[in-house]
Protein backbone atom coordinates (compact mmCIF):
# COMPACT_ATOMS: atom_id res chain seq x y z
CA MET A 1 -1.17 7.86 -38.44
CA LEU A 2 2.19 9.57 -38.85
CA HIS A 3 1.41 12.79 -36.99
CA PRO A 4 4.09 13.16 -34.28
CA THR A 5 1.92 15.03 -31.77
CA ARG A 6 -1.12 12.73 -31.43
CA ARG A 7 -2.54 12.85 -27.91
CA GLU A 8 -3.32 9.17 -27.50
CA THR A 9 -1.10 7.15 -25.18
CA ARG A 10 0.38 3.76 -25.91
CA GLY A 11 1.30 1.27 -23.19
CA GLY A 12 1.17 3.91 -20.47
CA ASP A 13 3.69 6.16 -22.25
CA SER A 14 3.49 9.90 -21.75
CA LEU A 15 2.50 12.39 -24.44
CA LEU A 16 6.17 13.29 -24.90
CA LEU A 17 7.22 9.68 -25.50
CA ASN A 18 4.34 9.15 -27.90
CA SER A 19 5.43 12.26 -29.79
CA LEU A 20 9.01 10.99 -29.99
CA TRP A 21 7.82 7.64 -31.35
CA GLY A 22 5.71 9.47 -33.91
CA GLY A 23 8.71 11.58 -34.92
CA LEU A 24 10.81 8.41 -35.25
CA ARG A 25 8.27 6.90 -37.66
CA VAL A 26 8.47 10.03 -39.81
CA PHE A 27 12.28 10.06 -39.56
CA ARG A 28 12.45 6.44 -40.78
CA LEU A 29 10.65 7.34 -44.00
CA LEU A 30 12.70 10.48 -44.53
CA ALA A 31 15.95 8.63 -43.80
CA ILE A 32 15.19 5.83 -46.24
CA GLY A 33 14.29 8.42 -48.89
CA TYR A 34 17.59 10.22 -48.26
CA ALA A 35 19.49 6.87 -48.51
CA ALA A 36 17.77 6.10 -51.80
CA TRP A 37 18.68 9.54 -53.19
CA GLY A 38 22.32 9.12 -52.09
CA ALA A 39 22.50 5.69 -53.69
CA VAL A 40 21.14 7.02 -57.00
CA VAL A 41 23.76 9.79 -56.98
CA ARG A 42 26.59 7.30 -56.35
CA LEU A 43 25.14 4.54 -58.48
CA PRO A 44 27.84 4.68 -61.24
CA GLU A 45 30.59 4.46 -58.62
CA MET A 46 29.15 1.51 -56.68
CA ALA A 47 30.68 -1.92 -56.91
CA HIS A 48 27.30 -3.69 -56.76
CA PRO A 49 24.55 -1.12 -57.30
CA ALA A 50 21.76 -3.68 -57.60
CA VAL A 51 22.60 -5.14 -54.18
CA ALA A 52 22.71 -1.65 -52.65
CA LEU A 53 19.29 -0.78 -54.09
CA GLY A 54 17.91 -4.10 -52.83
CA ILE A 55 19.13 -3.35 -49.30
CA ILE A 56 17.54 0.10 -49.41
CA ALA A 57 14.29 -1.37 -50.77
CA LEU A 58 14.21 -3.92 -47.91
CA LEU A 59 14.67 -1.17 -45.33
CA GLY A 60 11.99 0.87 -47.10
CA VAL A 61 9.46 -1.94 -46.75
CA TRP A 62 10.49 -2.33 -43.11
CA SER A 63 10.00 1.39 -42.47
CA VAL A 64 6.56 1.48 -44.06
CA TRP A 65 5.46 -1.58 -42.06
CA LEU A 66 6.65 -0.06 -38.76
CA ALA A 67 4.93 3.22 -39.64
CA PHE A 68 1.58 1.40 -39.62
CA VAL A 69 2.00 -1.21 -36.86
CA ASP A 70 3.80 1.09 -34.38
CA ARG A 71 5.49 -1.75 -32.48
CA ARG A 72 7.54 -0.79 -29.42
CA ASP A 73 8.77 -4.10 -28.05
CA LEU A 74 12.48 -4.54 -27.39
CA ALA A 75 12.97 -7.76 -29.38
CA LEU A 76 11.66 -6.21 -32.60
CA HIS A 77 13.93 -3.18 -32.36
CA LEU A 78 16.93 -5.33 -31.50
CA ALA A 79 16.18 -7.19 -34.73
CA GLU A 80 16.07 -3.81 -36.51
CA PHE A 81 19.47 -2.96 -35.04
CA VAL A 82 20.94 -6.20 -36.39
CA LEU A 83 19.36 -5.58 -39.81
CA VAL A 84 20.70 -2.02 -40.05
CA SER A 85 24.14 -3.09 -38.77
CA ALA A 86 24.33 -5.73 -41.51
CA ALA A 87 23.32 -3.10 -44.08
CA VAL A 88 26.06 -0.75 -42.81
CA LEU A 89 28.66 -3.54 -42.99
CA SER A 90 27.65 -4.28 -46.57
CA THR A 91 29.01 -0.83 -47.52
CA ARG A 92 32.54 -2.27 -47.66
CA TRP A 93 31.57 -4.62 -50.50
CA VAL A 94 28.71 -3.00 -52.42
CA ASP A 95 29.29 0.78 -52.20
CA SER A 96 31.83 3.13 -53.73
CA PRO A 97 35.51 3.10 -52.69
CA GLN A 98 35.10 6.47 -50.95
CA ALA A 99 32.26 5.13 -48.83
CA ALA A 100 33.93 1.78 -48.14
CA VAL A 101 37.49 2.90 -47.45
CA GLU A 102 37.28 6.51 -46.33
CA GLY A 103 34.12 6.14 -44.26
CA GLN A 104 32.41 9.20 -45.72
CA THR A 105 28.99 7.53 -45.81
CA THR A 106 27.26 4.14 -45.81
CA VAL A 107 24.64 2.41 -47.93
CA VAL A 108 21.89 3.41 -45.49
CA GLY A 109 23.20 6.92 -44.75
CA VAL A 110 21.54 8.54 -41.74
CA TYR A 111 19.22 5.54 -41.32
CA GLN A 112 21.91 4.04 -39.08
CA ALA A 113 20.68 6.39 -36.34
CA VAL A 114 17.13 4.93 -36.42
CA PRO A 115 17.73 1.77 -34.30
CA ILE A 116 19.81 3.80 -31.84
CA VAL A 117 16.91 6.20 -31.24
CA SER A 118 14.35 3.38 -30.93
CA LEU A 119 16.46 1.50 -28.37
CA ALA A 120 17.05 4.74 -26.46
CA LEU A 121 13.28 5.32 -26.28
CA ILE A 122 12.77 1.78 -24.97
CA ALA A 123 15.77 1.33 -22.64
CA GLY A 124 16.63 4.90 -21.66
CA TRP A 125 20.02 6.57 -21.84
CA ARG A 126 21.86 3.35 -21.01
CA GLY A 127 20.23 1.55 -23.91
CA GLY A 128 20.92 4.50 -26.23
CA LEU A 129 24.57 4.65 -25.18
CA ALA A 130 25.08 0.91 -25.62
CA ALA A 131 23.43 0.92 -29.07
CA SER A 132 25.49 3.92 -30.25
CA LEU A 133 28.75 2.32 -29.09
CA LEU A 134 27.91 -0.90 -30.93
CA MET A 135 27.09 1.05 -34.07
CA THR A 136 30.42 2.86 -33.67
CA ALA A 137 32.17 -0.52 -33.71
CA VAL A 138 30.28 -1.40 -36.90
CA LEU A 139 31.35 1.87 -38.58
CA LEU A 140 34.98 1.25 -37.65
CA ALA A 141 34.73 -2.29 -39.01
CA VAL A 142 33.55 -0.90 -42.37
CA VAL A 143 36.64 1.31 -42.72
CA GLY A 144 38.98 -1.23 -41.16
CA ARG A 145 40.88 1.31 -39.06
CA VAL A 146 40.35 4.04 -36.48
CA ASP A 147 39.92 7.20 -38.51
CA SER A 148 38.55 10.70 -37.93
CA GLU A 149 35.66 10.36 -40.39
CA PRO A 150 33.88 7.37 -38.79
CA LEU A 151 34.75 8.65 -35.31
CA SER A 152 33.09 12.01 -35.97
CA ASN A 153 29.96 10.21 -37.19
CA ALA A 154 30.14 7.94 -34.16
CA GLY A 155 30.34 10.92 -31.81
CA LEU A 156 27.10 12.28 -33.20
CA LEU A 157 25.45 8.88 -32.74
CA VAL A 158 26.62 8.62 -29.11
CA MET A 159 25.29 12.07 -28.29
CA LEU A 160 22.00 11.32 -30.06
CA GLY A 161 21.40 8.00 -28.32
CA THR A 162 22.37 9.29 -24.87
CA CYS A 163 20.32 12.49 -25.07
CA ILE A 164 17.19 10.81 -26.49
CA GLY A 165 17.46 8.08 -23.84
CA TYR A 166 17.79 10.66 -21.08
CA VAL A 167 14.69 12.46 -22.31
CA ALA A 168 12.81 9.14 -22.35
CA ASP A 169 13.87 8.41 -18.76
CA VAL A 170 12.72 11.83 -17.58
CA ALA A 171 9.43 11.45 -19.43
CA ARG A 172 8.74 8.10 -17.77
CA THR A 173 9.57 9.49 -14.33
CA GLU A 174 7.26 12.43 -14.85
CA GLN A 175 4.52 10.16 -16.19
CA ALA A 176 4.75 7.96 -13.09
CA ALA A 177 4.53 11.04 -10.87
CA LEU A 178 1.52 12.26 -12.85
CA ARG A 179 -0.24 8.91 -12.48
CA ARG A 180 0.33 8.98 -8.71
CA ALA A 181 -1.01 12.53 -8.53
CA LEU A 182 -4.09 11.62 -10.56
CA ALA A 183 -4.70 8.55 -8.39
CA ARG A 184 -4.41 10.71 -5.28
CA GLN A 185 -6.79 13.24 -6.79
CA ALA A 186 -9.31 10.50 -7.58
CA GLU A 187 -8.94 9.14 -4.05
CA ILE A 188 -9.64 12.57 -2.56
CA ALA A 189 -12.65 13.07 -4.84
CA GLU A 190 -14.08 9.68 -3.85
CA ARG A 191 -13.45 10.39 -0.16
CA ASP A 192 -15.24 13.73 -0.50
CA ARG A 193 -18.19 12.00 -2.14
CA LEU A 194 -18.33 9.41 0.65
CA ALA A 195 -17.95 12.15 3.24
CA ARG A 196 -21.02 13.92 1.91
CA THR A 197 -22.98 10.68 1.98
CA VAL A 198 -21.81 9.79 5.48
CA HIS A 199 -22.43 13.30 6.77
CA ASP A 200 -25.97 13.40 5.40
CA GLY A 201 -26.91 10.03 6.86
CA VAL A 202 -24.72 8.09 9.26
CA LEU A 203 -23.10 10.97 11.14
CA GLN A 204 -26.41 12.69 11.82
CA ALA A 205 -27.92 9.43 13.06
CA LEU A 206 -24.97 8.78 15.39
CA ALA A 207 -25.15 12.32 16.75
CA PHE A 208 -28.86 11.86 17.49
CA ILE A 209 -28.21 8.53 19.26
CA HIS A 210 -25.51 10.22 21.32
CA ARG A 211 -27.82 13.01 22.49
CA ARG A 212 -30.78 10.76 23.24
CA GLY A 213 -28.62 8.19 25.02
CA LEU A 214 -27.23 10.78 27.40
CA ASP A 215 -30.73 12.05 28.11
CA LEU A 216 -32.07 8.56 28.91
CA GLY A 217 -29.12 7.46 31.07
CA GLY A 218 -28.20 3.91 32.10
CA ASP A 219 -27.37 1.50 29.29
CA ALA A 220 -28.66 4.05 26.82
CA ALA A 221 -25.96 6.47 27.99
CA ARG A 222 -23.32 3.86 27.24
CA LEU A 223 -24.82 3.36 23.80
CA GLY A 224 -24.74 7.12 23.30
CA VAL A 225 -21.05 7.34 24.18
CA ILE A 226 -20.23 4.50 21.79
CA ALA A 227 -22.18 6.29 19.07
CA ALA A 228 -20.19 9.47 19.76
CA GLN A 229 -16.91 7.58 19.43
CA GLN A 230 -18.00 6.05 16.15
CA GLU A 231 -19.08 9.46 14.91
CA HIS A 232 -15.66 10.87 15.78
CA GLN A 233 -13.88 8.07 13.95
CA LEU A 234 -16.11 8.38 10.88
CA ARG A 235 -15.53 12.13 10.73
CA ALA A 236 -11.77 11.59 10.90
CA LEU A 237 -11.91 8.89 8.21
CA ALA A 238 -14.08 10.99 5.91
CA SER A 239 -11.98 14.13 6.30
CA GLY A 240 -8.63 12.37 5.95
CA ILE A 241 -7.40 13.49 9.38
CA PRO A 242 -5.18 10.74 10.86
CA LEU A 243 -6.88 9.31 13.94
CA ARG A 244 -4.45 7.68 16.33
CA GLU A 245 -6.64 4.83 17.43
CA LEU A 246 -7.69 4.10 13.83
CA GLU A 247 -4.10 4.00 12.61
CA ALA A 248 -3.12 1.79 15.53
CA THR A 249 -5.93 -0.65 14.83
CA VAL A 250 -5.13 -0.89 11.13
CA ASP A 251 -1.34 -0.64 11.02
CA GLY A 252 -0.08 -1.85 14.39
CA PRO A 253 -0.77 -2.24 18.10
CA ALA A 254 -4.08 -1.02 19.54
CA ASP A 255 -4.46 0.94 22.77
CA LEU A 256 -6.33 -1.17 25.33
CA ARG A 257 -7.51 1.95 27.18
CA TYR A 258 -9.66 3.21 24.31
CA ALA A 259 -11.30 -0.17 23.81
CA LEU A 260 -12.10 -0.62 27.51
CA GLU A 261 -13.44 2.93 27.73
CA ALA A 262 -16.10 2.06 25.15
CA ALA A 263 -16.87 -1.24 26.90
CA SER A 264 -17.25 0.24 30.39
CA THR A 265 -18.96 3.57 29.66
CA GLY A 266 -22.25 3.79 31.52
CA THR A 267 -21.55 0.52 33.33
CA ALA A 268 -18.31 0.81 35.26
CA VAL A 269 -15.62 3.31 36.23
CA LEU A 270 -12.42 2.86 34.24
CA VAL A 271 -9.09 3.47 35.97
CA ALA A 272 -6.23 3.22 33.46
CA PRO A 273 -2.63 4.47 33.18
CA HIS A 274 -1.89 7.79 31.55
CA GLU A 275 0.46 6.16 29.03
CA PRO A 276 -0.88 3.96 26.19
CA VAL A 277 -1.24 0.23 26.84
CA GLU A 278 -0.54 -1.17 23.39
CA LEU A 279 -1.31 -4.77 22.45
CA GLU A 280 -2.10 -6.61 19.25
CA PRO A 281 -5.64 -5.85 18.00
CA ARG A 282 -6.76 -9.47 18.37
CA VAL A 283 -5.56 -9.56 21.99
CA VAL A 284 -7.40 -6.31 22.74
CA ARG A 285 -10.62 -7.72 21.27
CA GLU A 286 -10.39 -10.84 23.44
CA ILE A 287 -9.72 -8.82 26.61
CA VAL A 288 -12.63 -6.49 25.89
CA ALA A 289 -14.93 -9.48 25.33
CA ALA A 290 -13.87 -10.96 28.68
CA VAL A 291 -14.41 -7.63 30.48
CA GLU A 292 -17.84 -7.24 28.90
CA ALA A 293 -18.75 -10.74 30.08
CA ALA A 294 -17.63 -9.89 33.62
CA LEU A 295 -19.64 -6.64 33.63
CA ASP A 296 -22.63 -8.52 32.28
CA ASN A 297 -22.39 -10.85 35.29
CA VAL A 298 -22.31 -7.81 37.58
CA ARG A 299 -25.50 -6.45 36.02
CA LYS A 300 -27.27 -9.81 36.34
CA HIS A 301 -26.11 -11.05 39.74
CA ALA A 302 -24.53 -8.26 41.84
CA GLY A 303 -27.77 -6.49 42.66
CA PRO A 304 -29.47 -3.29 41.49
CA ASP A 305 -27.35 -1.00 43.68
CA ALA A 306 -23.97 -2.55 42.83
CA ARG A 307 -21.21 -0.46 41.39
CA SER A 308 -18.29 -1.78 39.37
CA TRP A 309 -14.79 -0.69 38.42
CA VAL A 310 -12.38 -1.70 35.66
CA LEU A 311 -8.71 -1.23 36.52
CA VAL A 312 -5.81 -1.54 34.08
CA ASP A 313 -2.20 -1.99 35.23
CA ASP A 314 0.78 -2.13 32.87
CA LEU A 315 3.51 -4.17 34.59
CA GLY A 316 5.97 -4.07 31.72
CA GLY A 317 5.88 -7.68 30.60
CA ASP A 318 2.26 -8.27 31.64
CA VAL A 319 -1.00 -6.39 31.64
CA VAL A 320 -3.44 -6.87 34.52
CA VAL A 321 -7.10 -6.03 33.98
CA THR A 322 -9.27 -6.16 37.10
CA VAL A 323 -13.07 -6.04 37.19
CA ARG A 324 -14.36 -5.35 40.72
CA ASP A 325 -17.86 -4.78 42.12
CA ASN A 326 -19.41 -4.12 45.52
CA GLY A 327 -22.48 -6.27 44.97
CA VAL A 328 -23.96 -9.11 46.99
CA GLY A 329 -21.17 -11.43 45.97
CA VAL A 330 -21.18 -15.07 44.97
CA SER A 331 -19.63 -18.16 46.51
CA PRO A 332 -17.21 -20.53 44.74
CA GLU A 333 -19.72 -23.36 45.20
CA ARG A 334 -22.40 -21.38 43.37
CA MET A 335 -20.02 -20.69 40.49
CA ALA A 336 -19.16 -24.38 40.26
CA GLN A 337 -22.88 -25.27 40.18
CA ALA A 338 -23.44 -22.68 37.41
CA GLY A 339 -20.69 -24.24 35.31
CA ALA A 340 -22.03 -27.75 35.90
CA SER A 341 -25.53 -26.67 34.82
CA GLY A 342 -24.23 -25.34 31.50
CA ARG A 343 -23.99 -21.62 32.27
CA LEU A 344 -20.50 -21.04 30.95
CA GLY A 345 -20.17 -17.25 31.31
CA VAL A 346 -17.21 -17.53 33.67
CA SER A 347 -15.43 -20.58 32.28
CA SER A 348 -15.90 -19.87 28.58
CA SER A 349 -16.37 -16.14 28.13
CA ILE A 350 -13.74 -15.09 30.65
CA LYS A 351 -11.29 -17.80 31.71
CA SER A 352 -11.01 -19.56 28.37
CA ARG A 353 -10.45 -16.32 26.48
CA ILE A 354 -7.66 -15.24 28.80
CA GLU A 355 -6.03 -18.69 28.90
CA ASP A 356 -6.05 -18.82 25.10
CA LEU A 357 -3.91 -15.66 25.22
CA GLY A 358 -1.41 -17.36 27.52
CA GLY A 359 -2.69 -15.65 30.65
CA ARG A 360 -4.88 -16.55 33.61
CA ALA A 361 -8.12 -15.29 35.15
CA THR A 362 -8.67 -15.51 38.90
CA TYR A 363 -11.87 -14.86 40.89
CA LEU A 364 -11.58 -13.36 44.37
CA PHE A 365 -14.54 -13.19 46.76
CA GLY A 366 -14.73 -10.62 49.53
CA PRO A 367 -16.05 -11.70 52.96
CA GLY A 368 -18.60 -8.89 53.02
CA GLY A 369 -19.73 -9.27 49.40
CA GLY A 370 -18.39 -8.13 46.13
CA THR A 371 -16.49 -10.05 43.47
CA THR A 372 -13.14 -9.36 41.83
CA VAL A 373 -11.84 -10.83 38.58
CA GLU A 374 -8.11 -10.47 37.91
CA MET A 375 -6.97 -11.15 34.35
CA TRP A 376 -3.22 -11.43 33.76
CA ILE A 377 -2.22 -11.24 30.11
CA PRO A 378 1.38 -11.35 28.80
CA LYS A 379 2.20 -8.52 26.38
CA GLU A 380 3.56 -11.06 23.92
CA ALA A 381 0.17 -12.77 23.76
CA GLY A 382 -1.16 -13.57 20.33
């Protein structure tokens, strides 16, 4: 119970702080024993020896109780400071004239350093300095004047409280750094475990889908490219390598080019600027959904030999996404009939999505066939 080097931690304190608290518990008992011995030696000279022994007995009971409960809350140790200060002040009335007038010692002796150390351990060097200065004021009040004897004792108390508090501050800083390092180590270990699991299962499956999709061609090739992109992102996530498009999706704007590349692979030719086209992730998702709906219409209605293109233009304040095909084309009357009959691919999947973003979607019909969808989206959309 009283061993100063026990390895258990209390309230997140470091091993060093726990050792200092253990040493303080031992010092309390030694200090109260030293005070009792000093009182017995001066007993014939004391003005009120019975009162002095009663004060020492009270502090002895307090010390034994704290040795077993090991309380470290601020309010309790502030109460201890008040109790010890009152015991020190009682020296002027109950102790010997040398102790009361000359300031050579007090009723409690070195026990007056105990609350200073405890407050320094709790509140750091500032708490230790404040407690030592207050105890200095109490020592001067006992003598009734500024004298060398109480000032020399006070100097030792100031150095003790400040140094112990500084050590406590350093110990807490190091303990916080250690906890962060251990958390990081645990995070890396968990990521390595997940990486092994992902590598043995998901990554191999995605790699197989990529290879087979490219072999089959058509829509399967598009699926294979998407699988390859997901494999790349999973490898980056598992290995801890920062992936630009992942960081953009999680922490900030997303690049529209990467999203449209996945949506148009195997279906259309993507023509995009060299520089990133960054929008909010929700806006990017809505644009991709509209483009996929337009490409789906090309596959269904433009004819088996139709080709399609997806063009992206960054105009500064607006982004223009154009889906164009060279298929058989469709007339405005036919589109109106499709909407009236409940087929809402154009009005709901494309126009409504873009209008919800504050933009507009326009259909253009070539005289010789082919359909073009222009989607204007403000960069401040969303």
